[in-house]
Protein backbone atom coordinates (compact mmCIF):
# COMPACT_ATOMS: atom_id res chain seq x y z
CA MET A 1 -26.57 27.21 25.54
CA PRO A 2 -28.75 24.38 26.87
CA ILE A 3 -27.73 20.74 26.41
CA ILE A 4 -29.86 18.91 23.85
CA ASN A 5 -30.46 15.19 24.39
CA ILE A 6 -30.81 13.34 21.11
CA ASP A 7 -32.03 9.83 20.46
CA TYR A 8 -30.55 8.24 17.39
CA LYS A 9 -30.04 4.92 15.66
CA GLY A 10 -26.34 4.54 14.95
CA LEU A 11 -23.95 2.38 12.97
CA THR A 12 -24.46 -0.63 15.18
CA SER A 13 -28.26 -0.43 14.88
CA ARG A 14 -28.67 0.39 18.55
CA ILE A 15 -30.89 3.15 19.80
CA GLY A 16 -28.64 5.50 21.69
CA SER A 17 -28.82 8.84 23.41
CA VAL A 18 -26.18 11.54 23.20
CA SER A 19 -25.99 15.09 24.49
CA ILE A 20 -24.74 18.03 22.45
CA ASP A 21 -24.72 21.78 22.93
CA ASP A 22 -26.22 22.56 19.55
CA GLU A 23 -28.10 20.17 17.29
CA SER A 24 -26.88 22.09 14.26
CA ASN A 25 -23.23 21.54 15.15
CA ILE A 26 -22.48 18.46 13.05
CA ASN A 27 -18.92 18.01 14.32
CA GLU A 28 -20.11 17.93 17.92
CA LEU A 29 -22.76 15.41 16.99
CA ILE A 30 -20.19 13.22 15.22
CA ASP A 31 -17.94 13.30 18.29
CA ALA A 32 -20.81 12.44 20.62
CA ILE A 33 -21.96 9.49 18.53
CA ALA A 34 -18.35 8.38 18.06
CA ALA A 35 -17.95 8.18 21.83
CA ASP A 36 -21.17 6.18 22.15
CA GLU A 37 -20.22 3.80 19.34
CA GLY A 38 -16.61 3.42 20.40
CA LEU A 39 -15.39 4.08 16.86
CA ASP A 40 -12.88 6.48 15.35
CA THR A 41 -14.64 9.62 14.10
CA ASN A 42 -12.61 9.34 10.90
CA TYR A 43 -14.58 6.19 10.05
CA TYR A 44 -17.84 7.92 9.28
CA THR A 45 -19.77 11.15 9.05
CA ILE A 46 -23.34 12.21 9.72
CA SER A 47 -25.98 13.35 7.22
CA LYS A 48 -29.43 14.82 7.53
CA LEU A 49 -32.05 14.04 4.91
CA ASP A 50 -34.16 16.99 3.88
CA ASP A 51 -36.72 14.50 2.66
CA PRO A 52 -36.82 11.25 4.67
CA SER A 53 -38.04 9.37 1.61
CA ASN A 54 -34.78 10.09 -0.20
CA THR A 55 -31.98 7.53 -0.19
CA LEU A 56 -29.25 10.04 -1.01
CA SER A 57 -28.22 13.19 0.73
CA THR A 58 -25.45 15.72 0.77
CA VAL A 59 -23.00 14.25 3.23
CA TYR A 60 -20.98 16.60 5.35
CA GLY A 61 -17.45 16.42 3.97
CA ASP A 62 -18.44 14.07 1.13
CA SER A 63 -21.08 14.96 -1.43
CA THR A 64 -20.77 11.73 -3.44
CA THR A 65 -21.42 8.95 -0.93
CA ALA A 66 -24.57 6.87 -1.30
CA ILE A 67 -26.23 6.41 2.08
CA THR A 68 -28.85 4.23 3.70
CA ASP A 69 -31.41 5.39 6.22
CA LEU A 70 -30.36 4.09 9.66
CA GLY A 71 -32.58 6.14 11.93
CA PHE A 72 -33.74 9.56 13.00
CA ILE A 73 -33.07 12.51 15.25
CA ASN A 74 -36.25 14.26 16.30
CA ASP A 75 -37.95 15.22 13.03
CA ASP A 76 -34.84 14.84 10.87
CA VAL A 77 -33.44 11.61 9.50
CA VAL A 78 -29.82 11.15 10.47
CA ILE A 79 -27.42 8.97 8.57
CA CYS A 80 -24.11 7.46 9.68
CA THR A 81 -22.04 6.76 6.58
CA PRO A 82 -18.50 5.48 6.07
CA ASN A 83 -15.99 8.13 5.11
CA GLN A 84 -13.69 7.54 2.15
CA VAL A 85 -10.47 6.85 4.04
CA GLY A 86 -7.03 6.33 2.41
CA THR A 87 -6.28 2.96 0.88
CA LYS A 88 -8.39 -0.07 0.02
CA GLU A 89 -6.83 -1.76 3.02
CA ALA A 90 -7.84 1.11 5.32
CA ARG A 91 -11.40 1.02 3.96
CA GLN A 92 -11.59 -2.73 4.51
CA ILE A 93 -10.41 -2.33 8.11
CA GLN A 94 -12.94 0.48 8.55
CA LYS A 95 -15.78 -1.77 7.41
CA LEU A 96 -14.60 -4.59 9.65
CA ASN A 97 -14.37 -2.30 12.68
CA ILE A 98 -17.92 -1.12 12.10
CA ALA A 99 -19.10 -4.70 11.62
CA ALA A 100 -17.22 -5.71 14.79
CA ALA A 101 -19.13 -3.08 16.78
CA THR A 102 -22.39 -4.41 15.37
CA ARG A 103 -21.50 -7.99 16.26
CA ALA A 104 -20.42 -7.01 19.77
CA ALA A 105 -23.69 -5.14 20.30
CA ASP A 106 -25.56 -8.29 19.26
CA SER A 107 -23.41 -10.47 21.59
CA ASN A 108 -22.15 -12.40 18.59
CA ALA A 109 -19.37 -14.84 19.53
CA ARG A 110 -17.60 -13.82 16.31
CA ALA A 111 -17.18 -10.17 17.24
CA THR A 112 -13.44 -9.94 16.59
CA TYR A 113 -11.48 -10.42 13.39
CA ASP A 114 -7.99 -11.16 12.15
CA ILE A 115 -7.06 -8.92 9.23
CA THR A 116 -4.43 -11.44 8.08
CA GLN A 117 -7.17 -14.01 7.50
CA LEU A 118 -9.13 -12.10 4.87
CA PRO A 119 -9.85 -14.44 1.94
CA THR A 120 -8.03 -11.90 -0.24
CA GLN A 121 -5.61 -9.83 1.78
CA TYR A 122 -4.88 -6.18 1.18
CA ASN A 123 -1.51 -4.45 1.26
CA GLU A 124 -2.57 -0.81 1.08
CA ASN A 125 -4.00 -0.59 -2.48
CA ASN A 126 -2.71 -3.96 -3.65
CA LEU A 127 -4.20 -7.41 -3.27
CA ILE A 128 -1.98 -10.22 -2.05
CA ASP A 129 -2.36 -13.98 -1.85
CA ASN A 130 -5.18 -15.84 -0.16
CA PRO A 131 -3.84 -16.82 3.29
CA ASN A 132 -6.12 -19.85 3.49
CA THR A 133 -4.22 -22.37 1.39
CA GLY A 134 -6.93 -24.97 1.83
CA GLY A 135 -9.46 -22.75 0.10
CA LEU A 136 -11.89 -20.13 1.36
CA VAL A 137 -13.23 -20.82 4.84
CA ILE A 138 -16.72 -19.65 5.78
CA GLY A 139 -16.63 -17.00 8.49
CA ARG A 140 -13.14 -15.66 7.93
CA PRO A 141 -11.74 -13.29 9.01
CA TRP A 142 -14.15 -13.53 11.96
CA ILE A 143 -12.85 -15.39 14.99
CA GLU A 144 -15.08 -17.44 17.25
CA GLN A 145 -14.20 -17.40 20.92
CA ALA A 146 -13.14 -20.96 21.63
CA TRP A 147 -11.19 -20.26 24.81
CA THR A 148 -12.40 -20.28 28.40
CA LEU A 149 -11.07 -17.59 30.70
CA PRO A 150 -9.76 -19.23 33.90
CA ALA A 151 -11.21 -17.94 37.16
CA GLY A 152 -9.28 -14.93 38.40
CA MET A 153 -7.39 -14.33 35.15
CA ASP A 154 -7.48 -10.90 33.51
CA ARG A 155 -7.49 -10.87 29.72
CA ASN A 156 -4.76 -8.23 29.50
CA GLU A 157 -2.57 -8.24 32.63
CA PRO A 158 0.30 -7.70 33.09
CA TYR A 159 0.01 -4.29 31.48
CA ASN A 160 3.02 -3.00 29.57
CA GLY A 161 5.48 -1.35 31.89
CA SER A 162 3.69 -2.44 35.05
CA GLY A 163 5.49 -3.46 38.19
CA GLY A 164 4.83 -0.81 40.81
CA SER A 165 1.94 1.09 42.32
CA ASN A 166 0.77 2.30 38.91
CA PRO A 167 -0.15 -0.43 36.37
CA THR A 168 1.00 1.65 33.38
CA VAL A 169 4.14 3.31 34.77
CA PRO A 170 7.17 1.37 36.04
CA GLY A 171 7.37 1.48 39.81
CA ALA A 172 9.83 0.35 42.44
CA GLN A 173 9.78 -3.22 41.15
CA TYR A 174 10.67 -2.14 37.61
CA ARG A 175 14.46 -1.90 37.65
CA THR A 176 16.70 0.17 35.41
CA ALA A 177 19.60 -1.44 33.55
CA ALA A 178 22.02 0.19 35.97
CA ALA A 179 20.15 -1.04 39.04
CA ARG A 180 19.94 -4.49 37.52
CA GLY A 181 23.72 -4.46 37.07
CA VAL A 182 23.82 -4.73 33.28
CA PRO A 183 27.55 -4.61 32.49
CA ILE A 184 29.34 -2.27 30.13
CA TYR A 185 29.84 -3.99 26.78
CA SER A 186 32.34 -6.83 26.53
CA ALA A 187 32.70 -9.32 23.67
CA SER A 188 34.40 -11.91 25.85
CA GLY A 189 33.07 -15.42 25.24
CA ILE A 190 30.14 -14.25 23.08
CA THR A 191 29.17 -15.32 19.58
CA PHE A 192 27.50 -12.47 17.68
CA ASN A 193 24.87 -13.27 15.07
CA ASP A 194 25.27 -11.05 12.00
CA LEU A 195 21.74 -9.90 11.14
CA SER A 196 22.56 -8.06 7.90
CA ALA A 197 20.44 -10.47 5.84
CA SER A 198 17.28 -9.50 7.73
CA ALA A 199 17.88 -5.73 7.89
CA LEU A 200 15.11 -3.45 6.59
CA ASP A 201 15.28 0.26 5.86
CA SER A 202 11.65 0.73 6.87
CA ILE A 203 8.53 -1.22 7.76
CA SER A 204 5.01 -0.84 6.43
CA ASN A 205 2.38 0.78 8.64
CA GLU A 206 5.03 1.51 11.27
CA THR A 207 3.59 1.84 14.76
CA VAL A 208 5.57 2.31 17.97
CA GLY A 209 5.92 -0.75 20.21
CA LEU A 210 5.75 -4.50 19.72
CA TYR A 211 2.44 -6.28 19.20
CA ARG A 212 1.73 -8.44 22.26
CA ARG A 213 -0.94 -11.10 22.77
CA LYS A 214 -1.89 -13.19 25.79
CA TYR A 215 -2.86 -16.88 25.73
CA VAL A 216 -4.31 -19.33 28.22
CA GLY A 217 -1.92 -22.14 29.21
CA THR A 218 1.85 -22.63 29.11
CA LEU A 219 3.77 -22.87 25.85
CA LEU A 220 6.33 -25.21 27.43
CA SER A 221 5.60 -28.24 29.61
CA THR A 222 7.92 -27.12 32.41
CA TYR A 223 10.69 -24.69 33.28
CA GLY A 224 13.37 -24.42 30.58
CA ALA A 225 11.88 -27.07 28.31
CA TRP A 226 12.99 -25.23 25.16
CA THR A 227 12.66 -28.34 22.97
CA ASP A 228 8.89 -28.21 23.53
CA TYR A 229 8.58 -25.02 21.48
CA LEU A 230 6.17 -25.20 18.54
CA SER A 231 5.02 -22.05 16.76
CA THR A 232 1.71 -23.77 15.97
CA TRP A 233 0.90 -23.76 19.70
CA PHE A 234 -0.42 -20.22 19.22
CA THR A 235 -2.87 -21.22 16.45
CA ASP A 236 -5.06 -23.35 18.73
CA PRO A 237 -8.18 -21.19 19.25
CA THR A 238 -8.87 -22.79 22.64
CA ARG A 239 -5.80 -20.92 23.94
CA GLY A 240 -6.74 -17.50 22.57
CA PRO A 241 -5.54 -14.89 22.05
CA ILE A 242 -7.57 -13.65 25.00
CA SER A 243 -6.10 -10.12 25.10
CA GLN A 244 -8.09 -7.14 23.83
CA ALA A 245 -6.82 -4.90 21.06
CA THR A 246 -6.68 -1.82 23.30
CA PHE A 247 -3.94 -3.43 25.39
CA GLU A 248 -1.96 -5.27 22.71
CA VAL A 249 0.61 -2.61 21.79
CA ASP A 250 3.55 -2.74 24.21
CA GLU A 251 5.91 0.25 24.11
CA TYR A 252 7.85 -0.81 27.22
CA VAL A 253 8.44 -4.42 26.09
CA SER A 254 8.88 -5.32 29.75
CA PHE A 255 7.01 -5.56 33.02
CA GLY A 256 8.56 -5.48 36.46
CA LEU A 257 8.03 -7.88 39.35
CA ARG A 258 4.33 -7.47 39.88
CA THR A 259 3.22 -5.97 43.16
CA ASP A 260 0.54 -3.72 41.65
CA LEU A 261 -1.49 -6.55 40.12
CA GLY A 262 -2.64 -9.86 41.51
CA ALA A 263 -0.49 -12.85 40.59
CA GLU A 264 -1.83 -15.08 37.81
CA ASN A 265 -0.85 -18.63 36.87
CA GLY A 266 -0.72 -20.57 33.62
CA TYR A 267 -0.50 -18.09 30.77
CA THR A 268 1.78 -17.22 27.85
CA LEU A 269 2.60 -13.91 26.15
CA GLU A 270 3.94 -13.44 22.63
CA TRP A 271 5.49 -10.25 21.22
CA LYS A 272 6.07 -9.61 17.50
CA GLY A 273 7.58 -6.70 15.57
CA TYR A 274 10.92 -5.03 14.97
CA LEU A 275 13.89 -3.57 16.79
CA LYS A 276 15.35 -0.40 15.30
CA ALA A 277 19.09 -0.69 15.95
CA PRO A 278 20.41 2.25 17.99
CA VAL A 279 24.03 1.71 16.93
CA THR A 280 26.26 0.19 14.30
CA GLY A 281 28.19 -2.66 15.84
CA ASN A 282 27.47 -5.41 18.34
CA MET A 283 24.70 -5.57 20.92
CA ARG A 284 24.23 -7.90 23.86
CA PHE A 285 20.89 -8.62 25.55
CA PHE A 286 20.10 -9.47 29.15
CA VAL A 287 16.84 -10.35 30.90
CA ASP A 288 15.26 -10.64 34.31
CA VAL A 289 12.54 -13.28 34.07
CA ASP A 290 10.21 -15.28 36.26
CA ASP A 291 9.39 -17.75 34.86
CA ASP A 292 10.66 -18.33 31.26
CA ILE A 293 11.43 -16.29 28.14
CA MET A 294 12.48 -17.18 24.57
CA ILE A 295 13.78 -14.46 22.21
CA TRP A 296 14.39 -14.55 18.46
CA ILE A 297 15.94 -11.59 16.60
CA GLY A 298 16.60 -11.48 12.85
CA ALA A 299 15.36 -13.93 10.22
CA SER A 300 14.74 -16.56 12.90
CA ALA A 301 11.95 -14.37 14.34
CA LEU A 302 9.97 -14.88 11.13
CA ALA A 303 10.34 -18.68 11.32
CA PRO A 304 11.02 -19.46 14.99
CA THR A 305 11.94 -22.98 16.10
CA LYS A 306 13.24 -24.68 19.22
CA ASP A 307 16.75 -24.55 17.72
CA ASN A 308 17.20 -21.05 16.31
CA TYR A 309 16.41 -18.71 19.22
CA LEU A 310 18.92 -16.03 20.15
CA LEU A 311 18.38 -16.26 23.88
CA ALA A 312 16.25 -18.35 26.22
CA GLN A 313 16.26 -18.02 29.98
CA SER A 314 14.54 -19.74 32.87
CA GLY A 315 15.16 -17.88 36.11
CA ASN A 316 18.93 -17.37 36.14
CA THR A 317 19.64 -20.24 33.71
CA ARG A 318 20.39 -19.01 30.18
CA SER A 319 20.58 -20.89 26.90
CA GLY A 320 21.99 -19.63 23.59
CA THR A 321 24.05 -16.58 22.80
CA ASN A 322 22.84 -13.07 23.54
CA GLY A 323 24.76 -11.16 20.85
CA ILE A 324 23.82 -9.62 17.50
CA THR A 325 25.61 -7.47 14.92
CA VAL A 326 23.48 -4.62 13.54
CA VAL A 327 23.53 -1.34 11.61
CA ALA A 328 22.12 1.83 13.18
CA GLY A 329 18.68 2.81 11.88
CA LYS A 330 17.93 -0.59 10.35
CA TYR A 331 14.93 -2.64 11.46
CA TYR A 332 15.27 -6.27 12.56
CA PRO A 333 12.43 -8.75 13.19
CA VAL A 334 11.84 -9.69 16.83
CA ARG A 335 9.73 -12.39 18.47
CA MET A 336 9.52 -13.17 22.17
CA ALA A 337 7.53 -15.71 24.17
CA PHE A 338 7.05 -15.44 27.93
CA ILE A 339 5.73 -18.35 29.99
CA GLU A 340 4.24 -18.06 33.48
CA TYR A 341 3.67 -21.28 35.41
CA GLY A 342 2.87 -19.93 38.87
CA GLY A 343 3.93 -17.62 41.67
CA ALA A 344 5.86 -14.42 40.99
CA GLU A 345 6.05 -13.09 37.44
CA GLN A 346 8.21 -10.55 35.65
CA PHE A 347 10.05 -9.96 32.41
CA GLN A 348 12.47 -7.12 31.76
CA ILE A 349 14.84 -6.84 28.82
CA PHE A 350 18.09 -4.84 28.82
CA ALA A 351 20.99 -4.35 26.39
CA ASN A 352 24.42 -2.81 25.90
CA SER A 353 26.48 -2.18 22.77
CA SER A 354 29.99 -1.89 21.40
CA ALA A 355 29.34 1.78 20.56
CA GLY A 356 29.96 3.05 24.08
CA ALA A 357 29.16 2.84 27.74
CA THR A 358 25.36 3.15 27.35
CA VAL A 359 23.19 0.44 28.85
CA TYR A 360 19.57 0.22 27.73
CA ASN A 361 16.30 -0.49 29.50
CA GLY A 362 13.56 -2.07 27.41
CA GLN A 363 11.78 1.25 26.88
CA ASP A 364 15.04 2.98 25.87
CA LEU A 365 15.11 0.96 22.65
CA ASP A 366 13.00 1.70 19.57
CA TRP A 367 10.45 -1.07 18.99
CA ALA A 368 7.90 -1.04 16.17
CA HIS A 369 5.40 -3.27 14.41
CA ASN A 370 3.25 -3.34 11.29
CA SER A 371 -0.13 -2.30 12.67
CA ALA A 372 -2.05 -3.71 9.68
CA THR A 373 -0.68 -7.23 10.05
CA LYS A 374 -0.22 -7.04 13.83
CA GLY A 375 3.46 -7.86 13.68
CA TYR A 376 5.54 -8.18 10.55
C-alpha cells in the first residue's frame, strides 16, 4: 500500500505533514500526529467532519465530545479533540500539556508549568487549597524562564545511572556496593532514627524513581558548609530548575564518576520522593560523593533544615548519623541535595541492613515519587 502524505493543522495550531499507509486508518493517523505533536495519544483523538460547516462530529471513541474546527486533511476537515481521561486532575494535566505544546511552538517563554501552582489544585477528583497564600497570581501555573544557562552546561547531565561509556547504563566508574567496600551491617557507634511516625502504606500516583531537578549555582557557599542550607534557595527562578521533564525521573538515584560526559561546574541537584523499606529493622547508608551531598529521610525530608539532615558528606568527611529504623514495605519521605563546585563529580548511595548480609546499590532499593506533585 502506498504511503500517503497528509498536511494537517494540529493541536498546537501548526501546519504539519505526516505519512500514513491508509488515510482511512484513524489509529495510524492518531499515532502519526501524536509523534509530530510530541503528545501522548491518550490525550486526544481525531475526527472527520462530514460537513465542514458543522461544529460537532462523531468522534472516534467518543460520540459526545464537542469539537472545534482546527484544520483540514485534503478535502475532509480533521479535528484533534481532547479525550475524556480519568480524573479531573488528569484532565487538567492533559489540557496543560496541550497548552504547553502550543506555547513551545510559539516560542513563548512561559512554555512550562508547575502543577502544584494551580490557583486551585487538584487531587484526583478533589479540589485542595490554593497554594498561593498571597492570593491568585497572574500567569500561574506557567513558569517564565528567568535563568541563564552557563556556557557549556547541559540542562540534564549527569544522566541517572551514568558514569561509564554509556550515559544511561552504569559503566566502569559506577561501583557496586561490594566494590565500594560497603560493610556488612553493624550497629556499633550509630544512632538510629526511628521513622515510624512518617511511615506510609502507599503513596498517591506512585511512579518508580525519585524526582530529580537541576539548578544553576551552588546551594552551599563552599565545601561542607551545611549551615548555609536554606530550602528557599530552590524557589529562586533565576536558578531554575533548568532540567527537562523527560530526564527528571531518576531510577538509579546515583551517578558514577563521570568519564562519559564532560565535566561541569557550579550546579545543584535535588531529589524528592520516597524510599520503600526493603526490611524491618535498621538500615545504614553510605555515599561516594564529589563534591557534597545532604540527605534527609523521614519527616525531616518534608521540612528540611540545616539541622535535621540524616547524613551530609563532603568528600570523605561525614556529618550526622547514617542510621534509620524502618518497617518492610512502608514508604518514607526522602530528599537529597547534591552540590558540584568544580572538577570531578559523582554521587552514589549504598546501604546495608540488620536483616542480613545484603548490601545495596542505589538501584537495588525501591524509590518512588508522586508523579502528579513531582515529589510528595
